[in-house]
Protein backbone atom coordinates (compact mmCIF):
# COMPACT_ATOMS: atom_id res chain seq x y z
CA UNK A 1 69.40 125.65 -27.55
CA UNK A 2 71.62 126.64 -30.50
CA UNK A 3 74.22 123.97 -29.83
CA UNK A 4 71.92 121.78 -28.41
CA UNK A 5 69.87 121.05 -32.36
CA UNK A 6 73.35 121.34 -34.07
CA UNK A 7 74.45 118.42 -31.62
CA UNK A 8 71.07 116.22 -32.33
CA UNK A 9 71.51 117.29 -36.35
CA UNK A 10 74.98 116.03 -35.87
CA UNK A 11 73.98 113.03 -34.63
CA UNK A 12 71.15 112.43 -36.54
CA UNK A 13 73.43 112.71 -40.10
CA UNK A 14 76.66 109.90 -38.22
CA UNK A 15 73.54 107.64 -37.28
CA UNK A 16 72.75 107.16 -41.18
CA UNK A 17 76.36 106.98 -42.88
CA UNK A 18 76.62 103.90 -39.92
CA UNK A 19 73.83 102.80 -41.46
CA UNK A 20 74.10 103.79 -45.25
CA UNK A 21 77.64 102.10 -44.97
CA UNK A 22 76.62 98.78 -42.69
CA UNK A 23 74.01 98.37 -45.74
CA UNK A 24 76.18 99.05 -48.47
CA UNK A 25 79.08 96.18 -46.79
CA UNK A 26 76.51 94.23 -46.13
CA UNK A 27 75.01 93.78 -49.94
CA UNK A 28 78.80 92.57 -51.40
CA UNK A 29 79.88 89.48 -51.73
CA UNK A 30 82.78 87.93 -48.71
CA UNK A 31 85.20 87.82 -52.37
CA UNK A 32 84.65 91.79 -53.06
CA UNK A 33 84.64 92.39 -48.97
CA UNK A 34 88.48 90.75 -48.52
CA UNK A 35 89.58 92.88 -51.83
CA UNK A 36 88.73 95.95 -49.92
CA UNK A 37 90.29 94.24 -46.58
CA UNK A 38 87.21 93.99 -44.54
CA UNK A 39 86.47 90.84 -42.96
CA UNK A 40 82.10 90.49 -43.00
CA UNK A 41 82.91 90.69 -39.28
CA UNK A 42 83.94 93.82 -38.81
CA UNK A 43 81.43 95.34 -41.12
CA UNK A 44 79.95 97.29 -37.98
CA UNK A 45 82.78 98.96 -36.39
CA UNK A 46 83.62 100.34 -40.05
CA UNK A 47 80.47 101.73 -40.29
CA UNK A 48 80.92 103.21 -37.25
CA UNK A 49 84.51 104.20 -37.88
CA UNK A 50 83.46 106.18 -41.07
CA UNK A 51 80.78 107.69 -39.59
CA UNK A 52 83.06 109.27 -36.69
CA UNK A 53 81.44 108.08 -33.60
CA UNK A 54 84.39 105.94 -32.77
CA UNK A 55 88.09 105.66 -32.74
CA UNK A 56 89.10 103.02 -35.30
CA UNK A 57 88.94 99.88 -33.58
CA UNK A 58 88.32 97.11 -35.32
CA UNK A 59 87.13 93.31 -34.10
CA UNK A 60 88.24 90.70 -36.62
CA UNK A 61 86.52 87.03 -36.26
CA UNK A 62 90.04 85.09 -35.55
CA UNK A 63 90.62 81.41 -36.80
CA UNK A 64 90.12 78.86 -34.45
CA UNK A 65 90.82 74.99 -34.75
CA UNK A 66 87.57 72.84 -35.26
CA UNK A 67 87.50 70.08 -32.19
CA UNK A 68 86.94 67.08 -34.09
CA UNK A 69 88.73 67.85 -36.22
CA UNK A 70 91.78 70.13 -35.90
CA UNK A 71 90.84 71.56 -39.24
CA UNK A 72 91.31 75.70 -38.95
CA UNK A 73 87.75 77.41 -39.45
CA UNK A 74 85.96 80.95 -38.66
CA UNK A 75 84.17 80.75 -35.29
CA UNK A 76 81.48 81.27 -36.99
CA UNK A 77 81.60 77.68 -39.00
CA UNK A 78 81.04 74.10 -38.54
CA UNK A 79 83.23 71.88 -37.42
CA UNK A 80 83.18 69.41 -41.06
CA UNK A 81 82.08 66.14 -39.88
CA UNK A 82 83.98 63.20 -42.45
CA UNK A 83 82.83 59.74 -40.84
CA UNK A 84 79.96 60.15 -42.72
CA UNK A 85 81.50 59.89 -45.95
CA UNK A 86 83.70 57.12 -44.72
CA UNK A 87 81.10 55.25 -44.71
CA UNK A 88 79.80 56.05 -47.98
């Protein structure tokens, strides 16, 4: 019974630490995150590592080619459409 209580207490402590880390890192600018070597897409993974809940595993969004322009963009960004700029 004592081990069950200790395990529950440790789980709650790790959950709180992960949550606080996510909140703190989410509040930083992209530039500040880059300075400490973290991409915004890695916040959850980093927080999980800090809380000791998982072995270090980082998930980083890799640049992908935008289909229409051939420019590089992140997976979450929209491709740039220059056609409307040329018409102006």
